[in-house]
N, C-alpha and C. Protein backbone atom coordinates (compact mmCIF):
# COMPACT_ATOMS: atom_id res chain seq x y z
N MET A 1 -27.40 -36.58 -19.12
CA MET A 1 -26.36 -36.47 -18.39
C MET A 1 -26.93 -36.33 -16.60
N PRO A 2 -26.08 -37.24 -15.94
CA PRO A 2 -26.87 -37.53 -14.75
C PRO A 2 -26.78 -36.13 -13.88
N VAL A 3 -27.61 -35.99 -13.04
CA VAL A 3 -27.54 -35.06 -12.07
C VAL A 3 -27.26 -35.60 -10.75
N ASP A 4 -26.32 -34.76 -9.94
CA ASP A 4 -25.78 -35.07 -8.89
C ASP A 4 -26.69 -34.44 -7.79
N HIS A 5 -27.45 -35.39 -6.70
CA HIS A 5 -28.13 -35.09 -5.90
C HIS A 5 -27.56 -35.28 -4.35
N ALA A 6 -26.35 -35.23 -4.50
CA ALA A 6 -25.53 -35.47 -3.04
C ALA A 6 -25.99 -34.20 -2.29
N PRO A 7 -26.05 -34.30 -0.90
CA PRO A 7 -26.13 -33.02 -0.08
C PRO A 7 -24.72 -32.52 0.06
N SER A 8 -25.22 -31.00 0.23
CA SER A 8 -23.95 -30.28 0.42
C SER A 8 -23.07 -30.66 1.56
N ALA A 9 -22.04 -30.34 1.84
CA ALA A 9 -21.39 -30.64 2.91
C ALA A 9 -21.61 -29.59 4.08
N VAL A 10 -22.15 -28.33 3.71
CA VAL A 10 -22.40 -27.46 4.80
C VAL A 10 -23.66 -26.37 4.07
N HIS A 11 -24.54 -26.28 5.17
CA HIS A 11 -25.39 -25.30 4.88
C HIS A 11 -25.59 -24.10 5.54
N CYS A 12 -25.93 -23.18 4.95
CA CYS A 12 -26.13 -21.81 5.97
C CYS A 12 -27.72 -21.14 5.82
N GLU A 13 -27.72 -20.25 6.79
CA GLU A 13 -28.90 -19.43 6.64
C GLU A 13 -28.55 -18.11 7.63
N VAL A 14 -29.44 -17.24 7.56
CA VAL A 14 -29.30 -15.91 8.44
C VAL A 14 -30.70 -15.97 9.34
N ASP A 15 -30.69 -16.00 10.34
CA ASP A 15 -32.02 -15.76 11.25
C ASP A 15 -31.94 -14.76 11.79
N ALA A 16 -33.30 -14.11 11.72
CA ALA A 16 -33.77 -12.71 12.31
C ALA A 16 -34.71 -12.90 13.29
N VAL A 17 -34.68 -12.36 14.44
CA VAL A 17 -35.44 -12.15 15.85
C VAL A 17 -35.73 -11.28 16.01
N LEU A 18 -36.95 -10.80 16.11
CA LEU A 18 -37.70 -9.57 16.59
C LEU A 18 -38.08 -9.56 18.11
N SER A 19 -37.55 -8.72 19.02
CA SER A 19 -37.99 -8.66 20.38
C SER A 19 -38.36 -7.18 20.50
N GLY A 20 -39.47 -6.85 20.68
CA GLY A 20 -39.74 -5.45 21.09
C GLY A 20 -39.34 -4.47 20.15
N ASP A 21 -38.53 -3.55 20.45
CA ASP A 21 -37.81 -2.70 19.24
C ASP A 21 -36.33 -2.94 18.93
N HIS A 22 -36.09 -4.35 19.13
CA HIS A 22 -34.82 -4.61 18.46
C HIS A 22 -34.92 -5.93 17.68
N ILE A 23 -34.09 -6.00 17.04
CA ILE A 23 -33.93 -7.09 15.80
C ILE A 23 -32.36 -7.73 16.01
N THR A 24 -32.47 -9.09 16.20
CA THR A 24 -31.11 -9.88 16.66
C THR A 24 -31.01 -10.75 15.20
N LEU A 25 -29.95 -10.50 14.62
CA LEU A 25 -29.63 -11.01 13.26
C LEU A 25 -28.37 -12.02 13.43
N ARG A 26 -28.39 -13.31 13.23
CA ARG A 26 -27.34 -14.50 13.37
C ARG A 26 -27.12 -15.49 12.49
N GLY A 27 -25.86 -15.76 12.48
CA GLY A 27 -25.71 -16.64 11.24
C GLY A 27 -25.87 -18.18 11.94
N VAL A 28 -26.47 -19.18 10.96
CA VAL A 28 -26.40 -20.47 11.26
C VAL A 28 -25.78 -21.33 10.42
N ILE A 29 -25.08 -22.08 10.97
CA ILE A 29 -24.42 -23.32 10.08
C ILE A 29 -24.49 -24.62 10.39
N THR A 30 -24.58 -25.48 9.49
CA THR A 30 -25.18 -27.01 9.57
C THR A 30 -24.21 -27.73 8.83
N ALA A 31 -23.37 -28.45 9.32
CA ALA A 31 -22.50 -29.13 8.43
C ALA A 31 -22.87 -30.63 8.43
N ALA A 32 -22.59 -31.47 7.37
CA ALA A 32 -22.91 -32.90 7.05
C ALA A 32 -21.93 -33.75 7.85
N ARG A 33 -20.74 -33.30 8.16
CA ARG A 33 -19.64 -33.97 9.00
C ARG A 33 -18.98 -33.04 9.87
N ASP A 34 -18.29 -33.58 10.86
CA ASP A 34 -17.23 -32.72 11.75
C ASP A 34 -16.48 -32.12 10.93
N GLY A 35 -15.97 -30.88 11.32
CA GLY A 35 -15.09 -30.34 11.05
C GLY A 35 -14.87 -28.93 11.49
N GLY A 36 -14.24 -28.18 10.79
CA GLY A 36 -14.09 -26.67 11.17
C GLY A 36 -14.06 -25.85 9.75
N GLY A 37 -14.03 -24.40 10.05
CA GLY A 37 -14.02 -23.55 8.85
C GLY A 37 -14.05 -22.40 9.60
N SER A 38 -14.47 -21.20 8.46
CA SER A 38 -14.35 -19.76 9.13
C SER A 38 -15.74 -19.42 8.44
N TYR A 39 -16.09 -17.90 8.91
CA TYR A 39 -17.38 -17.23 8.35
C TYR A 39 -16.99 -15.61 8.30
N THR A 40 -17.92 -15.13 7.99
CA THR A 40 -18.06 -13.82 7.77
C THR A 40 -19.76 -13.48 7.64
N LEU A 41 -19.73 -12.71 8.77
CA LEU A 41 -21.47 -12.14 8.76
C LEU A 41 -21.22 -10.81 8.46
N ALA A 42 -22.00 -10.16 7.41
CA ALA A 42 -22.09 -8.85 7.04
C ALA A 42 -23.58 -8.16 6.96
N VAL A 43 -23.72 -7.31 8.06
CA VAL A 43 -25.15 -6.76 8.16
C VAL A 43 -25.07 -5.55 7.88
N ASP A 44 -26.08 -4.84 7.14
CA ASP A 44 -26.34 -3.18 6.60
C ASP A 44 -27.78 -3.16 7.17
N LYS A 45 -27.75 -1.86 7.64
CA LYS A 45 -29.23 -1.32 8.07
C LYS A 45 -29.07 -0.02 7.52
N SER A 46 -30.09 0.50 6.81
CA SER A 46 -30.54 1.66 6.45
C SER A 46 -31.85 2.32 6.73
N GLY A 47 -32.02 3.52 7.04
CA GLY A 47 -33.28 4.43 7.34
C GLY A 47 -32.93 5.76 7.44
N ALA A 48 -33.83 6.11 8.01
CA ALA A 48 -34.11 7.77 8.02
C ALA A 48 -32.94 8.23 8.85
N ALA A 49 -32.30 7.76 9.87
CA ALA A 49 -31.30 8.17 10.48
C ALA A 49 -29.81 7.76 10.12
N GLY A 50 -30.15 7.41 8.63
CA GLY A 50 -28.67 7.14 8.01
C GLY A 50 -28.39 5.35 7.93
N THR A 51 -27.26 5.21 7.71
CA THR A 51 -27.09 3.65 7.18
C THR A 51 -25.73 3.45 8.33
N SER A 52 -25.76 2.07 8.50
CA SER A 52 -24.64 1.13 9.25
C SER A 52 -24.45 -0.01 8.68
N ARG A 53 -23.06 -0.18 8.82
CA ARG A 53 -22.35 -1.58 8.25
C ARG A 53 -21.64 -2.43 9.31
N ILE A 54 -22.07 -3.73 9.99
CA ILE A 54 -21.39 -4.45 10.73
C ILE A 54 -20.83 -5.67 10.07
N LYS A 55 -19.47 -6.06 10.45
CA LYS A 55 -18.99 -7.13 10.00
C LYS A 55 -18.32 -7.74 11.07
N GLN A 56 -18.92 -9.28 11.23
CA GLN A 56 -18.05 -10.07 11.85
C GLN A 56 -17.41 -11.46 11.49
N GLY A 57 -16.65 -12.06 12.05
CA GLY A 57 -15.69 -13.11 11.33
C GLY A 57 -15.03 -13.77 12.29
N GLY A 58 -14.89 -15.11 12.12
CA GLY A 58 -13.89 -16.01 12.77
C GLY A 58 -13.91 -17.30 12.43
N ALA A 59 -13.41 -18.13 13.33
CA ALA A 59 -13.26 -19.58 13.17
C ALA A 59 -14.67 -20.25 13.74
N PHE A 60 -15.30 -21.25 13.51
CA PHE A 60 -16.10 -22.05 13.84
C PHE A 60 -15.55 -23.73 13.63
N SER A 61 -16.37 -24.48 14.67
CA SER A 61 -16.23 -25.98 14.75
C SER A 61 -17.77 -26.70 14.65
N ALA A 62 -17.88 -27.53 13.84
CA ALA A 62 -19.22 -28.33 13.54
C ALA A 62 -19.18 -29.70 13.74
N VAL A 63 -20.21 -30.41 14.48
CA VAL A 63 -20.68 -31.58 14.69
C VAL A 63 -21.67 -31.63 13.72
N ALA A 64 -21.35 -32.93 13.02
CA ALA A 64 -22.45 -33.68 11.76
C ALA A 64 -23.69 -33.26 12.55
N ALA A 65 -24.67 -32.59 11.43
CA ALA A 65 -25.91 -32.49 11.52
C ALA A 65 -26.34 -31.46 12.80
N GLN A 66 -25.02 -30.79 13.59
CA GLN A 66 -25.84 -30.16 14.86
C GLN A 66 -25.57 -28.44 14.23
N ARG A 67 -26.48 -27.52 14.71
CA ARG A 67 -26.62 -26.57 14.37
C ARG A 67 -25.39 -25.77 15.06
N VAL A 68 -24.78 -24.58 14.52
CA VAL A 68 -23.71 -24.10 14.93
C VAL A 68 -24.10 -22.24 14.80
N ASP A 69 -24.42 -21.71 15.85
CA ASP A 69 -24.63 -20.22 15.83
C ASP A 69 -23.29 -19.32 15.59
N VAL A 70 -23.25 -18.63 14.56
CA VAL A 70 -22.16 -17.57 14.51
C VAL A 70 -22.32 -16.00 14.22
N GLY A 71 -21.86 -15.38 14.75
CA GLY A 71 -22.30 -13.98 14.88
C GLY A 71 -23.48 -13.60 15.59
N ASN A 72 -23.33 -12.48 15.95
CA ASN A 72 -24.64 -12.05 16.73
C ASN A 72 -24.83 -10.60 16.52
N VAL A 73 -25.79 -9.80 15.89
CA VAL A 73 -25.90 -8.33 15.99
C VAL A 73 -27.24 -8.06 16.30
N VAL A 74 -27.31 -7.14 17.22
CA VAL A 74 -28.40 -6.54 17.89
C VAL A 74 -28.64 -5.00 17.29
N LEU A 75 -29.73 -4.87 16.54
CA LEU A 75 -30.29 -3.37 16.08
C LEU A 75 -31.33 -2.88 16.49
N ASP A 76 -31.56 -1.68 16.56
CA ASP A 76 -32.98 -1.10 16.97
C ASP A 76 -33.69 -1.35 15.78
N TYR A 77 -34.92 -1.93 15.60
CA TYR A 77 -35.82 -2.35 14.90
C TYR A 77 -36.97 -1.19 14.64
N SER A 78 -37.13 -0.79 13.27
CA SER A 78 -38.23 -0.24 12.82
C SER A 78 -38.70 -0.89 11.49
N ALA A 79 -39.92 -0.77 11.15
CA ALA A 79 -40.64 -1.07 10.09
C ALA A 79 -40.22 -0.51 8.67
N ALA A 80 -39.91 0.92 9.19
CA ALA A 80 -39.12 1.65 8.07
C ALA A 80 -38.00 1.54 7.67
N ASN A 81 -37.15 0.99 8.54
CA ASN A 81 -35.56 0.49 8.28
C ASN A 81 -35.61 -0.59 7.37
N ARG A 82 -34.59 -0.74 6.55
CA ARG A 82 -34.30 -1.91 5.67
C ARG A 82 -32.84 -2.64 6.26
N TYR A 83 -33.22 -4.02 6.37
CA TYR A 83 -31.96 -4.67 6.77
C TYR A 83 -31.58 -5.72 5.54
N ALA A 84 -30.18 -5.81 5.64
CA ALA A 84 -29.77 -6.86 4.75
C ALA A 84 -28.56 -7.73 5.54
N ALA A 85 -28.54 -9.01 5.45
CA ALA A 85 -27.35 -9.52 5.95
C ALA A 85 -26.76 -10.88 4.96
N ARG A 86 -25.70 -11.01 4.86
CA ARG A 86 -24.91 -12.05 4.20
C ARG A 86 -23.96 -12.78 4.80
N LEU A 87 -23.99 -14.15 5.07
CA LEU A 87 -23.14 -15.15 5.55
C LEU A 87 -22.44 -15.68 4.69
N ASP A 88 -20.89 -15.69 4.69
CA ASP A 88 -20.02 -16.72 3.78
C ASP A 88 -19.33 -17.52 4.81
N VAL A 89 -19.28 -18.60 4.13
CA VAL A 89 -18.82 -19.85 4.90
C VAL A 89 -17.94 -20.63 4.25
N SER A 90 -16.79 -20.86 4.91
CA SER A 90 -15.75 -21.72 4.19
C SER A 90 -15.43 -23.05 5.19
N PHE A 91 -15.88 -24.22 4.43
CA PHE A 91 -15.75 -25.29 5.49
C PHE A 91 -14.86 -26.41 4.43
N GLY A 92 -13.59 -26.76 4.80
CA GLY A 92 -12.85 -27.61 4.18
C GLY A 92 -12.87 -27.07 2.73
N ASP A 93 -12.94 -27.60 1.94
CA ASP A 93 -12.76 -27.04 0.42
C ASP A 93 -14.24 -26.65 -0.37
N VAL A 94 -15.15 -26.32 0.69
CA VAL A 94 -16.24 -25.91 0.07
C VAL A 94 -16.81 -24.57 0.69
N THR A 95 -17.28 -23.70 -0.06
CA THR A 95 -17.54 -22.20 0.11
C THR A 95 -19.09 -21.98 -0.17
N VAL A 96 -19.62 -21.35 0.89
CA VAL A 96 -21.34 -21.13 0.57
C VAL A 96 -21.57 -19.96 0.90
N GLN A 97 -22.58 -19.21 0.50
CA GLN A 97 -23.06 -18.22 0.96
C GLN A 97 -24.51 -17.85 1.07
N CYS A 98 -25.05 -17.30 1.94
CA CYS A 98 -26.82 -16.89 2.24
C CYS A 98 -26.97 -15.80 2.46
N ASP A 99 -28.16 -15.29 2.16
CA ASP A 99 -28.53 -13.96 2.47
C ASP A 99 -29.91 -13.87 3.39
N LEU A 100 -29.95 -12.92 4.22
CA LEU A 100 -31.15 -12.73 4.86
C LEU A 100 -32.40 -12.67 4.12
N ASP A 101 -33.37 -13.43 4.18
CA ASP A 101 -34.62 -13.41 3.39
C ASP A 101 -35.34 -11.90 4.05
N PRO A 102 -35.73 -11.24 3.41
CA PRO A 102 -36.27 -9.94 3.67
C PRO A 102 -37.50 -10.22 4.31
N GLU A 103 -38.34 -11.22 3.67
CA GLU A 103 -39.81 -11.61 4.24
C GLU A 103 -39.79 -12.02 5.71
N THR A 104 -38.44 -12.42 6.35
CA THR A 104 -38.39 -12.76 7.60
C THR A 104 -38.28 -11.74 8.71
N VAL A 105 -38.35 -10.50 8.21
CA VAL A 105 -37.99 -9.32 8.63
C VAL A 105 -38.91 -8.33 8.83
N LYS A 106 -40.22 -8.49 9.35
CA LYS A 106 -41.49 -7.90 9.49
C LYS A 106 -41.85 -7.90 10.73
C-alpha cells in the first residue's frame, strides 16, 4: 500500500519564552497555502498557589509558508509550577492540534 508523504496544509506549535520571572506562551501556525481559519489556545498552570486556565481563540489569516503568531499568554514563572498548553487549529477542511513540549519550559 503506498504511503502518502504529502505535506500537511497547516502545521502548528506552541512556543515558550522565559524572561526573568515570567513565561510567555504563544501559538504558532504555518500554512502551506494562503487562507484563513480559526484557533483555540488553552493554557493551564498549576503550582503551590493553585491552578489557573486561560483560553483564547479567534480567526487568523495565513500567507503560504509564513509564520503566524496567535494567542499570547504571560504567566509568572517558577520551576516548581507545571505548565501545559494546547493549540487547536482549523484551516479549510484540515484540523490539527499541538501541545506545548514540557522540555521547552525549563
